[in-house]
Amino acid sequence: MVASKRHLHHWLVRLRPYGVGYFVAAFLVLGVVALFALRQNNLGAVRLRDQLLEVDKQNGDVEAALGKLREYMYSHMNAQLSNDTGIYPPIQLKYTYERLSAAEKQRVQTANQKIYNDAQKTCEALVPNGLSGSGRIPCIQQYVDTKGQKEQSVPDALYKFDFVSPAWSPDLAGFLVVLAFMALILLIARIAAALWLRASLSD
């Protein structure tokens, strides 16, 4: 029993140089730096989103900007894009959608104008007589109704995006989180070991 207590006392003495303060300091420093790195990941995602929205507004290379944001989001933890406006999804290519909708409207208008002109020529040949061409009106109307084009809606869901960042990523923030967690485990282990040794020596 005496030998056993002497052995426990030996381990308690060996444990003293590794004070709790060292582990507390390591945990706090690593934790603060990890939080800063996580914040930088978030700011990086927001910056790339803002760049994408500006490219969308200026009619630039939206695909390249979107790909850059997507790649960043999938490789950095805590890269969140949620905002206080309640808009979901947080990435909406408003200007691309509006340009495509306007282009579709213009396409239909141009096509239908050509069809109307063709209808007039065709019906003039088919119905050459009539007061001021009034007899050709039903012919023209039927031609336009048959061959006229209708505007196709542009699915807005194709221009709304939301990317989810990983729970952990092998970047600076990810490694700092691991190190901070390890420091916390060592701190708990150090306190538990000291308490157990003291309790065993007091028996």
N, C-alpha and C. Protein backbone atom coordinates (compact mmCIF):
# COMPACT_ATOMS: atom_id res chain seq x y z
N MET A 1 0.83 -1.21 0.00
CA MET A 1 0.00 0.00 0.00
C MET A 1 0.87 1.26 0.00
N VAL A 2 1.93 1.23 0.83
CA VAL A 2 2.85 2.35 0.89
C VAL A 2 3.56 2.55 -0.44
N ALA A 3 3.97 1.41 -1.03
CA ALA A 3 4.65 1.47 -2.33
C ALA A 3 3.72 2.01 -3.39
N SER A 4 2.45 1.61 -3.29
CA SER A 4 1.48 2.07 -4.27
C SER A 4 1.28 3.59 -4.15
N LYS A 5 1.20 4.09 -2.91
CA LYS A 5 1.03 5.53 -2.71
C LYS A 5 2.28 6.29 -3.14
N ARG A 6 3.44 5.67 -2.89
CA ARG A 6 4.68 6.31 -3.32
C ARG A 6 4.70 6.43 -4.84
N HIS A 7 4.21 5.39 -5.50
CA HIS A 7 4.14 5.39 -6.97
C HIS A 7 3.17 6.48 -7.46
N LEU A 8 2.02 6.59 -6.80
CA LEU A 8 1.04 7.61 -7.18
C LEU A 8 1.59 9.01 -6.94
N HIS A 9 2.29 9.18 -5.82
CA HIS A 9 2.88 10.48 -5.51
C HIS A 9 3.93 10.84 -6.55
N HIS A 10 4.67 9.82 -7.00
CA HIS A 10 5.68 10.04 -8.05
C HIS A 10 5.02 10.60 -9.31
N TRP A 11 3.87 10.03 -9.70
CA TRP A 11 3.18 10.50 -10.90
C TRP A 11 2.59 11.89 -10.70
N LEU A 12 2.12 12.16 -9.50
CA LEU A 12 1.58 13.49 -9.21
C LEU A 12 2.68 14.55 -9.31
N VAL A 13 3.88 14.22 -8.82
CA VAL A 13 5.01 15.14 -8.92
C VAL A 13 5.40 15.37 -10.37
N ARG A 14 5.39 14.29 -11.14
CA ARG A 14 5.74 14.41 -12.56
C ARG A 14 4.70 15.21 -13.33
N LEU A 15 3.48 15.25 -12.83
CA LEU A 15 2.40 15.96 -13.52
C LEU A 15 2.45 17.47 -13.27
N ARG A 16 3.05 17.87 -12.14
CA ARG A 16 3.03 19.28 -11.74
C ARG A 16 3.64 20.23 -12.76
N PRO A 17 4.75 19.88 -13.41
CA PRO A 17 5.31 20.83 -14.40
C PRO A 17 4.35 21.17 -15.52
N TYR A 18 3.41 20.25 -15.78
CA TYR A 18 2.44 20.50 -16.85
C TYR A 18 1.20 21.14 -16.21
N GLY A 19 1.35 22.38 -15.79
CA GLY A 19 0.29 23.06 -15.07
C GLY A 19 -0.97 23.25 -15.90
N VAL A 20 -2.08 23.37 -15.19
CA VAL A 20 -3.39 23.58 -15.83
C VAL A 20 -3.37 24.88 -16.65
N GLY A 21 -2.63 25.86 -16.15
CA GLY A 21 -2.59 27.16 -16.83
C GLY A 21 -2.09 27.08 -18.25
N TYR A 22 -1.13 26.18 -18.51
CA TYR A 22 -0.61 26.02 -19.87
C TYR A 22 -1.71 25.55 -20.83
N PHE A 23 -2.47 24.56 -20.34
CA PHE A 23 -3.53 24.01 -21.19
C PHE A 23 -4.67 25.00 -21.38
N VAL A 24 -4.97 25.76 -20.30
CA VAL A 24 -6.01 26.79 -20.42
C VAL A 24 -5.59 27.85 -21.43
N ALA A 25 -4.32 28.28 -21.32
CA ALA A 25 -3.81 29.30 -22.24
C ALA A 25 -3.82 28.79 -23.68
N ALA A 26 -3.37 27.53 -23.87
CA ALA A 26 -3.34 26.95 -25.22
C ALA A 26 -4.75 26.87 -25.80
N PHE A 27 -5.71 26.45 -24.97
CA PHE A 27 -7.09 26.33 -25.44
C PHE A 27 -7.67 27.70 -25.81
N LEU A 28 -7.42 28.70 -24.96
CA LEU A 28 -7.97 30.04 -25.22
C LEU A 28 -7.35 30.66 -26.48
N VAL A 29 -6.03 30.54 -26.61
CA VAL A 29 -5.36 31.13 -27.78
C VAL A 29 -5.84 30.45 -29.06
N LEU A 30 -5.81 29.11 -29.04
CA LEU A 30 -6.24 28.36 -30.24
C LEU A 30 -7.72 28.62 -30.53
N GLY A 31 -8.53 28.70 -29.47
CA GLY A 31 -9.96 28.95 -29.67
C GLY A 31 -10.23 30.30 -30.30
N VAL A 32 -9.55 31.33 -29.80
CA VAL A 32 -9.75 32.68 -30.34
C VAL A 32 -9.29 32.76 -31.80
N VAL A 33 -8.10 32.18 -32.07
CA VAL A 33 -7.59 32.21 -33.45
C VAL A 33 -8.50 31.40 -34.38
N ALA A 34 -9.03 30.28 -33.88
CA ALA A 34 -9.95 29.45 -34.68
C ALA A 34 -11.22 30.23 -35.00
N LEU A 35 -11.75 30.96 -34.01
CA LEU A 35 -12.95 31.78 -34.26
C LEU A 35 -12.67 32.86 -35.30
N PHE A 36 -11.49 33.45 -35.23
CA PHE A 36 -11.11 34.47 -36.21
C PHE A 36 -11.03 33.85 -37.61
N ALA A 37 -10.44 32.65 -37.71
CA ALA A 37 -10.32 31.98 -39.01
C ALA A 37 -11.69 31.59 -39.55
N LEU A 38 -12.58 31.15 -38.66
CA LEU A 38 -13.95 30.81 -39.09
C LEU A 38 -14.67 32.07 -39.59
N ARG A 39 -14.45 33.18 -38.89
CA ARG A 39 -15.05 34.44 -39.33
C ARG A 39 -14.53 34.85 -40.70
N GLN A 40 -13.23 34.63 -40.94
CA GLN A 40 -12.65 34.96 -42.24
C GLN A 40 -13.25 34.10 -43.34
N ASN A 41 -13.52 32.83 -43.04
CA ASN A 41 -14.18 31.97 -44.02
C ASN A 41 -15.54 32.52 -44.40
N ASN A 42 -16.27 32.97 -43.39
CA ASN A 42 -17.59 33.54 -43.64
C ASN A 42 -17.50 34.82 -44.47
N LEU A 43 -16.55 35.69 -44.12
CA LEU A 43 -16.38 36.94 -44.86
C LEU A 43 -15.93 36.68 -46.29
N GLY A 44 -15.10 35.64 -46.48
CA GLY A 44 -14.67 35.28 -47.83
C GLY A 44 -15.84 34.86 -48.71
N ALA A 45 -16.76 34.09 -48.13
CA ALA A 45 -17.95 33.66 -48.88
C ALA A 45 -18.83 34.85 -49.23
N VAL A 46 -19.03 35.75 -48.28
CA VAL A 46 -19.85 36.94 -48.53
C VAL A 46 -19.22 37.82 -49.61
N ARG A 47 -17.89 37.95 -49.56
CA ARG A 47 -17.18 38.76 -50.56
C ARG A 47 -17.37 38.17 -51.96
N LEU A 48 -17.23 36.85 -52.09
CA LEU A 48 -17.40 36.21 -53.40
C LEU A 48 -18.85 36.29 -53.87
N ARG A 49 -19.79 36.22 -52.92
CA ARG A 49 -21.20 36.37 -53.32
C ARG A 49 -21.47 37.77 -53.85
N ASP A 50 -20.92 38.77 -53.17
CA ASP A 50 -21.11 40.16 -53.62
C ASP A 50 -20.46 40.38 -54.99
N GLN A 51 -19.31 39.75 -55.21
CA GLN A 51 -18.66 39.84 -56.53
C GLN A 51 -19.54 39.20 -57.60
N LEU A 52 -20.13 38.05 -57.27
CA LEU A 52 -21.02 37.36 -58.22
C LEU A 52 -22.22 38.24 -58.57
N LEU A 53 -22.83 38.85 -57.57
CA LEU A 53 -24.00 39.70 -57.81
C LEU A 53 -23.64 40.92 -58.65
N GLU A 54 -22.42 41.43 -58.46
CA GLU A 54 -21.98 42.57 -59.27
C GLU A 54 -21.73 42.14 -60.71
N VAL A 55 -21.13 40.95 -60.89
CA VAL A 55 -20.91 40.41 -62.24
C VAL A 55 -22.25 40.18 -62.93
N ASP A 56 -23.22 39.68 -62.18
CA ASP A 56 -24.57 39.47 -62.72
C ASP A 56 -25.17 40.81 -63.16
N LYS A 57 -24.99 41.83 -62.35
CA LYS A 57 -25.54 43.15 -62.68
C LYS A 57 -24.88 43.73 -63.93
N GLN A 58 -23.56 43.52 -64.05
CA GLN A 58 -22.81 44.08 -65.18
C GLN A 58 -22.82 43.18 -66.42
N ASN A 59 -23.55 42.08 -66.36
CA ASN A 59 -23.63 41.14 -67.48
C ASN A 59 -22.26 40.57 -67.84
N GLY A 60 -21.50 40.20 -66.79
CA GLY A 60 -20.18 39.62 -67.00
C GLY A 60 -20.24 38.11 -67.06
N ASP A 61 -19.09 37.47 -66.77
CA ASP A 61 -19.00 36.00 -66.81
C ASP A 61 -19.59 35.43 -65.53
N VAL A 62 -20.89 35.25 -65.51
CA VAL A 62 -21.60 34.77 -64.32
C VAL A 62 -21.18 33.35 -63.97
N GLU A 63 -21.01 32.50 -64.98
CA GLU A 63 -20.66 31.09 -64.74
C GLU A 63 -19.33 30.98 -64.00
N ALA A 64 -18.34 31.77 -64.40
CA ALA A 64 -17.02 31.73 -63.75
C ALA A 64 -17.13 32.20 -62.31
N ALA A 65 -17.84 33.30 -62.08
CA ALA A 65 -18.00 33.83 -60.72
C ALA A 65 -18.79 32.86 -59.84
N LEU A 66 -19.80 32.24 -60.42
CA LEU A 66 -20.60 31.27 -59.67
C LEU A 66 -19.78 30.04 -59.31
N GLY A 67 -18.95 29.57 -60.26
CA GLY A 67 -18.09 28.42 -60.01
C GLY A 67 -17.08 28.71 -58.92
N LYS A 68 -16.54 29.91 -58.91
CA LYS A 68 -15.56 30.30 -57.89
C LYS A 68 -16.20 30.30 -56.51
N LEU A 69 -17.41 30.84 -56.41
CA LEU A 69 -18.13 30.86 -55.14
C LEU A 69 -18.46 29.44 -54.69
N ARG A 70 -18.94 28.62 -55.62
CA ARG A 70 -19.30 27.24 -55.30
C ARG A 70 -18.10 26.47 -54.75
N GLU A 71 -16.96 26.60 -55.42
CA GLU A 71 -15.74 25.91 -55.00
C GLU A 71 -15.31 26.37 -53.60
N TYR A 72 -15.40 27.66 -53.35
CA TYR A 72 -15.02 28.19 -52.04
C TYR A 72 -15.95 27.66 -50.95
N MET A 73 -17.25 27.68 -51.20
CA MET A 73 -18.23 27.23 -50.22
C MET A 73 -18.02 25.77 -49.85
N TYR A 74 -17.73 24.93 -50.84
CA TYR A 74 -17.58 23.50 -50.59
C TYR A 74 -16.25 23.13 -49.95
N SER A 75 -15.32 24.06 -49.85
CA SER A 75 -14.00 23.75 -49.29
C SER A 75 -13.66 24.55 -48.04
N HIS A 76 -14.63 25.32 -47.51
CA HIS A 76 -14.39 26.11 -46.31
C HIS A 76 -15.55 25.98 -45.33
N MET A 77 -15.26 25.54 -44.14
CA MET A 77 -16.30 25.44 -43.12
C MET A 77 -16.73 26.83 -42.67
N ASN A 78 -17.96 26.94 -42.20
CA ASN A 78 -18.55 28.19 -41.72
C ASN A 78 -18.63 29.26 -42.81
N ALA A 79 -18.68 28.85 -44.06
CA ALA A 79 -18.85 29.82 -45.16
C ALA A 79 -20.34 29.95 -45.43
N GLN A 80 -21.00 30.70 -44.56
CA GLN A 80 -22.46 30.83 -44.63
C GLN A 80 -22.86 32.09 -45.39
N LEU A 81 -24.01 32.01 -46.08
CA LEU A 81 -24.49 33.15 -46.86
C LEU A 81 -25.88 33.63 -46.42
N SER A 82 -26.34 33.13 -45.28
CA SER A 82 -27.65 33.57 -44.81
C SER A 82 -27.60 35.06 -44.49
N ASN A 83 -28.73 35.74 -44.70
CA ASN A 83 -28.77 37.19 -44.45
C ASN A 83 -30.02 37.54 -43.64
N ASP A 84 -30.09 38.78 -43.23
CA ASP A 84 -31.19 39.24 -42.38
C ASP A 84 -32.44 39.61 -43.18
N THR A 85 -32.36 39.58 -44.51
CA THR A 85 -33.51 39.99 -45.32
C THR A 85 -34.57 38.91 -45.42
N GLY A 86 -34.19 37.68 -45.07
CA GLY A 86 -35.14 36.57 -45.17
C GLY A 86 -35.28 36.03 -46.58
N ILE A 87 -34.49 36.54 -47.52
CA ILE A 87 -34.55 36.07 -48.91
C ILE A 87 -33.90 34.70 -49.00
N TYR A 88 -34.62 33.76 -49.59
CA TYR A 88 -34.07 32.41 -49.79
C TYR A 88 -34.44 31.93 -51.19
N PRO A 89 -33.49 31.31 -51.89
CA PRO A 89 -32.09 31.10 -51.55
C PRO A 89 -31.31 32.42 -51.52
N PRO A 90 -30.17 32.44 -50.81
CA PRO A 90 -29.43 33.69 -50.64
C PRO A 90 -28.74 34.20 -51.91
N ILE A 91 -28.57 33.33 -52.92
CA ILE A 91 -27.93 33.74 -54.17
C ILE A 91 -29.01 33.78 -55.25
N GLN A 92 -29.33 34.96 -55.74
CA GLN A 92 -30.35 35.10 -56.78
C GLN A 92 -29.80 35.98 -57.89
N LEU A 93 -29.67 35.37 -59.06
CA LEU A 93 -29.13 36.10 -60.21
C LEU A 93 -30.27 36.85 -60.89
N LYS A 94 -30.68 37.92 -60.24
CA LYS A 94 -31.84 38.71 -60.67
C LYS A 94 -31.66 39.27 -62.07
N TYR A 95 -30.50 39.83 -62.34
CA TYR A 95 -30.30 40.53 -63.62
C TYR A 95 -30.18 39.54 -64.79
N THR A 96 -29.54 38.39 -64.54
CA THR A 96 -29.48 37.36 -65.59
C THR A 96 -30.88 36.91 -65.95
N TYR A 97 -31.71 36.68 -64.91
CA TYR A 97 -33.09 36.25 -65.13
C TYR A 97 -33.87 37.31 -65.91
N GLU A 98 -33.72 38.57 -65.52
CA GLU A 98 -34.45 39.65 -66.21
C GLU A 98 -33.99 39.79 -67.66
N ARG A 99 -32.67 39.63 -67.90
CA ARG A 99 -32.18 39.72 -69.28
C ARG A 99 -32.72 38.59 -70.13
N LEU A 100 -32.76 37.38 -69.59
CA LEU A 100 -33.28 36.24 -70.36
C LEU A 100 -34.78 36.39 -70.62
N SER A 101 -35.51 36.89 -69.62
CA SER A 101 -36.95 37.11 -69.80
C SER A 101 -37.20 38.17 -70.87
N ALA A 102 -36.41 39.25 -70.85
CA ALA A 102 -36.55 40.31 -71.85
C ALA A 102 -36.19 39.80 -73.23
N ALA A 103 -35.15 38.94 -73.31
CA ALA A 103 -34.74 38.38 -74.60
C ALA A 103 -35.82 37.48 -75.17
N GLU A 104 -36.48 36.72 -74.29
CA GLU A 104 -37.56 35.84 -74.74
C GLU A 104 -38.74 36.67 -75.24
N LYS A 105 -39.05 37.74 -74.53
CA LYS A 105 -40.14 38.62 -74.95
C LYS A 105 -39.84 39.25 -76.32
N GLN A 106 -38.61 39.70 -76.50
CA GLN A 106 -38.20 40.30 -77.76
C GLN A 106 -38.23 39.29 -78.90
N ARG A 107 -37.80 38.05 -78.59
CA ARG A 107 -37.80 37.00 -79.62
C ARG A 107 -39.22 36.74 -80.12
N VAL A 108 -40.17 36.66 -79.19
CA VAL A 108 -41.56 36.38 -79.56
C VAL A 108 -42.15 37.56 -80.35
N GLN A 109 -41.86 38.77 -79.91
CA GLN A 109 -42.36 39.95 -80.62
C GLN A 109 -41.84 40.00 -82.05
N THR A 110 -40.55 39.74 -82.23
CA THR A 110 -39.94 39.76 -83.57
C THR A 110 -40.54 38.66 -84.44
N ALA A 111 -40.67 37.46 -83.85
CA ALA A 111 -41.21 36.33 -84.62
C ALA A 111 -42.66 36.59 -85.02
N ASN A 112 -43.46 37.11 -84.10
CA ASN A 112 -44.87 37.36 -84.39
C ASN A 112 -45.06 38.50 -85.38
N GLN A 113 -44.17 39.48 -85.37
CA GLN A 113 -44.23 40.55 -86.36
C GLN A 113 -44.00 40.00 -87.76
N LYS A 114 -43.03 39.09 -87.87
CA LYS A 114 -42.74 38.46 -89.16
C LYS A 114 -43.93 37.61 -89.61
N ILE A 115 -44.52 36.88 -88.64
CA ILE A 115 -45.68 36.04 -88.97
C ILE A 115 -46.86 36.91 -89.42
N TYR A 116 -47.04 38.05 -88.79
CA TYR A 116 -48.12 38.95 -89.18
C TYR A 116 -47.89 39.50 -90.59
N ASN A 117 -46.65 39.86 -90.89
CA ASN A 117 -46.33 40.34 -92.23
C ASN A 117 -46.57 39.25 -93.28
N ASP A 118 -46.17 38.02 -92.94
CA ASP A 118 -46.40 36.88 -93.84
C ASP A 118 -47.89 36.65 -94.03
N ALA A 119 -48.66 36.83 -92.92
CA ALA A 119 -50.11 36.62 -93.00
C ALA A 119 -50.74 37.63 -93.95
N GLN A 120 -50.30 38.88 -93.89
CA GLN A 120 -50.85 39.90 -94.79
C GLN A 120 -50.58 39.56 -96.25
N LYS A 121 -49.36 39.15 -96.54
CA LYS A 121 -49.00 38.80 -97.93
C LYS A 121 -49.80 37.60 -98.40
N THR A 122 -49.89 36.59 -97.54
CA THR A 122 -50.61 35.37 -97.92
C THR A 122 -52.09 35.66 -98.15
N CYS A 123 -52.69 36.41 -97.23
CA CYS A 123 -54.12 36.67 -97.32
C CYS A 123 -54.46 37.66 -98.44
N GLU A 124 -53.53 38.53 -98.81
CA GLU A 124 -53.75 39.42 -99.96
C GLU A 124 -53.87 38.60 -101.24
N ALA A 125 -53.07 37.52 -101.29
CA ALA A 125 -53.14 36.65 -102.47
C ALA A 125 -54.41 35.80 -102.45
N LEU A 126 -54.80 35.36 -101.25
CA LEU A 126 -55.98 34.49 -101.15
C LEU A 126 -57.28 35.27 -101.25
N VAL A 127 -57.31 36.48 -100.70
CA VAL A 127 -58.52 37.31 -100.71
C VAL A 127 -58.15 38.66 -101.32
N PRO A 128 -58.07 38.74 -102.65
CA PRO A 128 -57.63 39.98 -103.29
C PRO A 128 -58.66 41.11 -103.21
N ASN A 129 -59.94 40.78 -103.08
CA ASN A 129 -60.99 41.80 -103.07
C ASN A 129 -61.44 42.10 -101.64
N GLY A 130 -62.12 43.20 -101.49
CA GLY A 130 -62.66 43.56 -100.18
C GLY A 130 -62.40 45.02 -99.89
N LEU A 131 -63.39 45.65 -99.23
CA LEU A 131 -63.29 47.06 -98.92
C LEU A 131 -62.17 47.30 -97.91
N SER A 132 -61.14 48.05 -98.35
CA SER A 132 -59.99 48.37 -97.51
C SER A 132 -59.36 47.13 -96.91
N GLY A 133 -59.51 46.02 -97.60
CA GLY A 133 -58.91 44.77 -97.13
C GLY A 133 -59.65 44.15 -95.96
N SER A 134 -60.87 44.63 -95.67
CA SER A 134 -61.60 44.09 -94.51
C SER A 134 -61.93 42.61 -94.66
N GLY A 135 -62.05 42.13 -95.87
CA GLY A 135 -62.35 40.72 -96.08
C GLY A 135 -61.19 39.82 -95.72
N ARG A 136 -60.01 40.39 -95.65
CA ARG A 136 -58.84 39.57 -95.34
C ARG A 136 -58.59 39.44 -93.84
N ILE A 137 -59.33 40.22 -93.01
CA ILE A 137 -59.09 40.22 -91.56
C ILE A 137 -59.24 38.83 -90.95
N PRO A 138 -60.34 38.08 -91.25
CA PRO A 138 -60.46 36.74 -90.68
C PRO A 138 -59.32 35.83 -91.12
N CYS A 139 -58.89 36.00 -92.38
CA CYS A 139 -57.79 35.18 -92.89
C CYS A 139 -56.50 35.47 -92.12
N ILE A 140 -56.24 36.74 -91.94
CA ILE A 140 -55.02 37.14 -91.20
C ILE A 140 -55.08 36.64 -89.76
N GLN A 141 -56.25 36.79 -89.14
CA GLN A 141 -56.41 36.36 -87.75
C GLN A 141 -56.17 34.87 -87.60
N GLN A 142 -56.73 34.09 -88.53
CA GLN A 142 -56.56 32.64 -88.48
C GLN A 142 -55.10 32.26 -88.70
N TYR A 143 -54.43 32.93 -89.62
CA TYR A 143 -53.02 32.65 -89.92
C TYR A 143 -52.15 32.92 -88.67
N VAL A 144 -52.41 34.08 -88.04
CA VAL A 144 -51.62 34.45 -86.84
C VAL A 144 -51.91 33.49 -85.69
N ASP A 145 -53.21 33.13 -85.52
CA ASP A 145 -53.56 32.21 -84.43
C ASP A 145 -52.91 30.84 -84.63
N THR A 146 -52.78 30.44 -85.90
CA THR A 146 -52.22 29.11 -86.19
C THR A 146 -50.70 29.08 -86.04
N LYS A 147 -50.04 30.11 -86.55
CA LYS A 147 -48.58 30.08 -86.59
C LYS A 147 -47.89 31.01 -85.57
N GLY A 148 -48.69 31.81 -84.88
CA GLY A 148 -48.10 32.75 -83.92
C GLY A 148 -47.41 32.04 -82.76
N GLN A 149 -46.39 32.66 -82.24
CA GLN A 149 -45.62 32.08 -81.13
C GLN A 149 -46.02 32.73 -79.81
N LYS A 150 -45.95 31.92 -78.76
CA LYS A 150 -46.26 32.42 -77.41
C LYS A 150 -44.98 32.46 -76.56
N GLU A 151 -44.95 33.40 -75.69
CA GLU A 151 -43.78 33.59 -74.83
C GLU A 151 -43.63 32.42 -73.86
N GLN A 152 -42.41 31.87 -73.80
CA GLN A 152 -42.11 30.78 -72.87
C GLN A 152 -41.53 31.39 -71.59
N SER A 153 -42.10 31.00 -70.46
CA SER A 153 -41.60 31.54 -69.19
C SER A 153 -40.21 30.98 -68.88
N VAL A 154 -39.36 31.82 -68.33
CA VAL A 154 -38.01 31.40 -67.94
C VAL A 154 -38.08 30.91 -66.49
N PRO A 155 -37.73 29.64 -66.21
CA PRO A 155 -37.81 29.12 -64.82
C PRO A 155 -36.84 29.88 -63.91
N ASP A 156 -37.37 30.63 -62.96
CA ASP A 156 -36.50 31.42 -62.09
C ASP A 156 -35.69 30.56 -61.14
N ALA A 157 -36.14 29.32 -60.89
CA ALA A 157 -35.40 28.42 -59.99
C ALA A 157 -34.01 28.11 -60.52
N LEU A 158 -33.82 28.22 -61.84
CA LEU A 158 -32.52 27.94 -62.43
C LEU A 158 -31.50 29.03 -62.13
N TYR A 159 -31.95 30.15 -61.57
CA TYR A 159 -31.06 31.27 -61.30
C TYR A 159 -31.07 31.66 -59.82
N LYS A 160 -31.43 30.66 -58.99
CA LYS A 160 -31.38 30.81 -57.54
C LYS A 160 -30.53 29.68 -56.97
N PHE A 161 -29.61 30.03 -56.08
CA PHE A 161 -28.66 29.03 -55.59
C PHE A 161 -28.46 29.16 -54.08
N ASP A 162 -28.11 28.01 -53.49
CA ASP A 162 -27.71 27.98 -52.09
C ASP A 162 -26.69 26.85 -51.94
N PHE A 163 -25.52 27.18 -51.45
CA PHE A 163 -24.46 26.19 -51.25
C PHE A 163 -24.26 25.99 -49.76
N VAL A 164 -24.05 24.75 -49.35
CA VAL A 164 -23.86 24.42 -47.94
C VAL A 164 -22.40 24.07 -47.71
N SER A 165 -21.77 24.78 -46.80
CA SER A 165 -20.36 24.51 -46.50
C SER A 165 -20.25 23.25 -45.63
N PRO A 166 -19.09 22.57 -45.66
CA PRO A 166 -18.93 21.33 -44.88
C PRO A 166 -18.85 21.61 -43.39
N ALA A 167 -19.16 20.58 -42.59
CA ALA A 167 -19.06 20.72 -41.13
C ALA A 167 -17.61 20.91 -40.70
N TRP A 168 -16.69 20.32 -41.46
CA TRP A 168 -15.26 20.51 -41.20
C TRP A 168 -14.53 20.53 -42.53
N SER A 169 -13.50 21.35 -42.63
CA SER A 169 -12.74 21.44 -43.86
C SER A 169 -11.24 21.48 -43.53
N PRO A 170 -10.40 20.90 -44.38
CA PRO A 170 -8.95 20.87 -44.13
C PRO A 170 -8.27 22.17 -44.52
N ASP A 171 -8.77 23.27 -43.97
CA ASP A 171 -8.13 24.57 -44.19
C ASP A 171 -7.63 25.09 -42.85
N LEU A 172 -7.17 26.33 -42.81
CA LEU A 172 -6.62 26.89 -41.58
C LEU A 172 -7.63 26.83 -40.44
N ALA A 173 -8.85 27.24 -40.71
CA ALA A 173 -9.89 27.22 -39.67
C ALA A 173 -10.13 25.80 -39.17
N GLY A 174 -10.19 24.85 -40.09
CA GLY A 174 -10.45 23.47 -39.72
C GLY A 174 -9.37 22.91 -38.81
N PHE A 175 -8.10 23.14 -39.15
CA PHE A 175 -7.00 22.63 -38.33
C PHE A 175 -6.94 23.33 -36.97
N LEU A 176 -7.25 24.61 -36.94
CA LEU A 176 -7.25 25.33 -35.67
C LEU A 176 -8.36 24.83 -34.75
N VAL A 177 -9.51 24.51 -35.31
CA VAL A 177 -10.60 23.94 -34.52
C VAL A 177 -10.18 22.61 -33.92
N VAL A 178 -9.50 21.77 -34.71
CA VAL A 178 -9.02 20.48 -34.21
C VAL A 178 -8.02 20.68 -33.09
N LEU A 179 -7.08 21.61 -33.27
CA LEU A 179 -6.07 21.86 -32.24
C LEU A 179 -6.70 22.41 -30.96
N ALA A 180 -7.68 23.30 -31.11
CA ALA A 180 -8.36 23.84 -29.93
C ALA A 180 -9.11 22.73 -29.20
N PHE A 181 -9.74 21.83 -29.94
CA PHE A 181 -10.46 20.71 -29.33
C PHE A 181 -9.49 19.78 -28.61
N MET A 182 -8.33 19.53 -29.22
CA MET A 182 -7.32 18.69 -28.59
C MET A 182 -6.80 19.34 -27.30
N ALA A 183 -6.60 20.67 -27.33
CA ALA A 183 -6.16 21.38 -26.13
C ALA A 183 -7.20 21.26 -25.02
N LEU A 184 -8.48 21.32 -25.38
CA LEU A 184 -9.54 21.17 -24.39
C LEU A 184 -9.54 19.77 -23.79
N ILE A 185 -9.35 18.75 -24.64
CA ILE A 185 -9.30 17.36 -24.16
C ILE A 185 -8.12 17.18 -23.19
N LEU A 186 -6.96 17.74 -23.57
CA LEU A 186 -5.78 17.63 -22.70
C LEU A 186 -6.00 18.36 -21.38
N LEU A 187 -6.67 19.50 -21.44
CA LEU A 187 -6.97 20.25 -20.22
C LEU A 187 -7.85 19.42 -19.29
N ILE A 188 -8.90 18.84 -19.84
CA ILE A 188 -9.81 18.00 -19.04
C ILE A 188 -9.06 16.80 -18.49
N ALA A 189 -8.22 16.17 -19.33
CA ALA A 189 -7.46 15.01 -18.89
C ALA A 189 -6.48 15.38 -17.77
N ARG A 190 -5.85 16.56 -17.90
CA ARG A 190 -4.90 17.01 -16.88
C ARG A 190 -5.60 17.23 -15.54
N ILE A 191 -6.75 17.89 -15.56
CA ILE A 191 -7.50 18.13 -14.33
C ILE A 191 -7.99 16.82 -13.73
N ALA A 192 -8.52 15.93 -14.57
CA ALA A 192 -9.04 14.65 -14.10
C ALA A 192 -7.93 13.80 -13.49
N ALA A 193 -6.75 13.79 -14.13
CA ALA A 193 -5.64 12.99 -13.62
C ALA A 193 -5.18 13.50 -12.26
N ALA A 194 -5.08 14.82 -12.11
CA ALA A 194 -4.65 15.39 -10.83
C ALA A 194 -5.66 15.09 -9.73
N LEU A 195 -6.94 15.22 -10.04
CA LEU A 195 -7.98 14.93 -9.05
C LEU A 195 -7.97 13.47 -8.65
N TRP A 196 -7.78 12.60 -9.63
CA TRP A 196 -7.77 11.16 -9.32
C TRP A 196 -6.56 10.79 -8.47
N LEU A 197 -5.39 11.32 -8.81
CA LEU A 197 -4.19 11.02 -8.04
C LEU A 197 -4.31 11.53 -6.60
N ARG A 198 -4.84 12.74 -6.42
CA ARG A 198 -5.00 13.28 -5.08
C ARG A 198 -6.02 12.48 -4.27
N ALA A 199 -7.10 12.08 -4.95
CA ALA A 199 -8.11 11.27 -4.26
C ALA A 199 -7.55 9.93 -3.85
N SER A 200 -6.72 9.34 -4.73
CA SER A 200 -6.14 8.04 -4.42
C SER A 200 -5.14 8.15 -3.27
N LEU A 201 -4.39 9.25 -3.22
CA LEU A 201 -3.41 9.43 -2.13
C LEU A 201 -4.06 9.73 -0.79
N SER A 202 -5.26 10.29 -0.83
CA SER A 202 -5.94 10.62 0.43
C SER A 202 -6.64 9.43 1.06
N ASP A 203 -6.80 8.34 0.27
CA ASP A 203 -7.47 7.13 0.82
C ASP A 203 -6.61 6.45 1.88
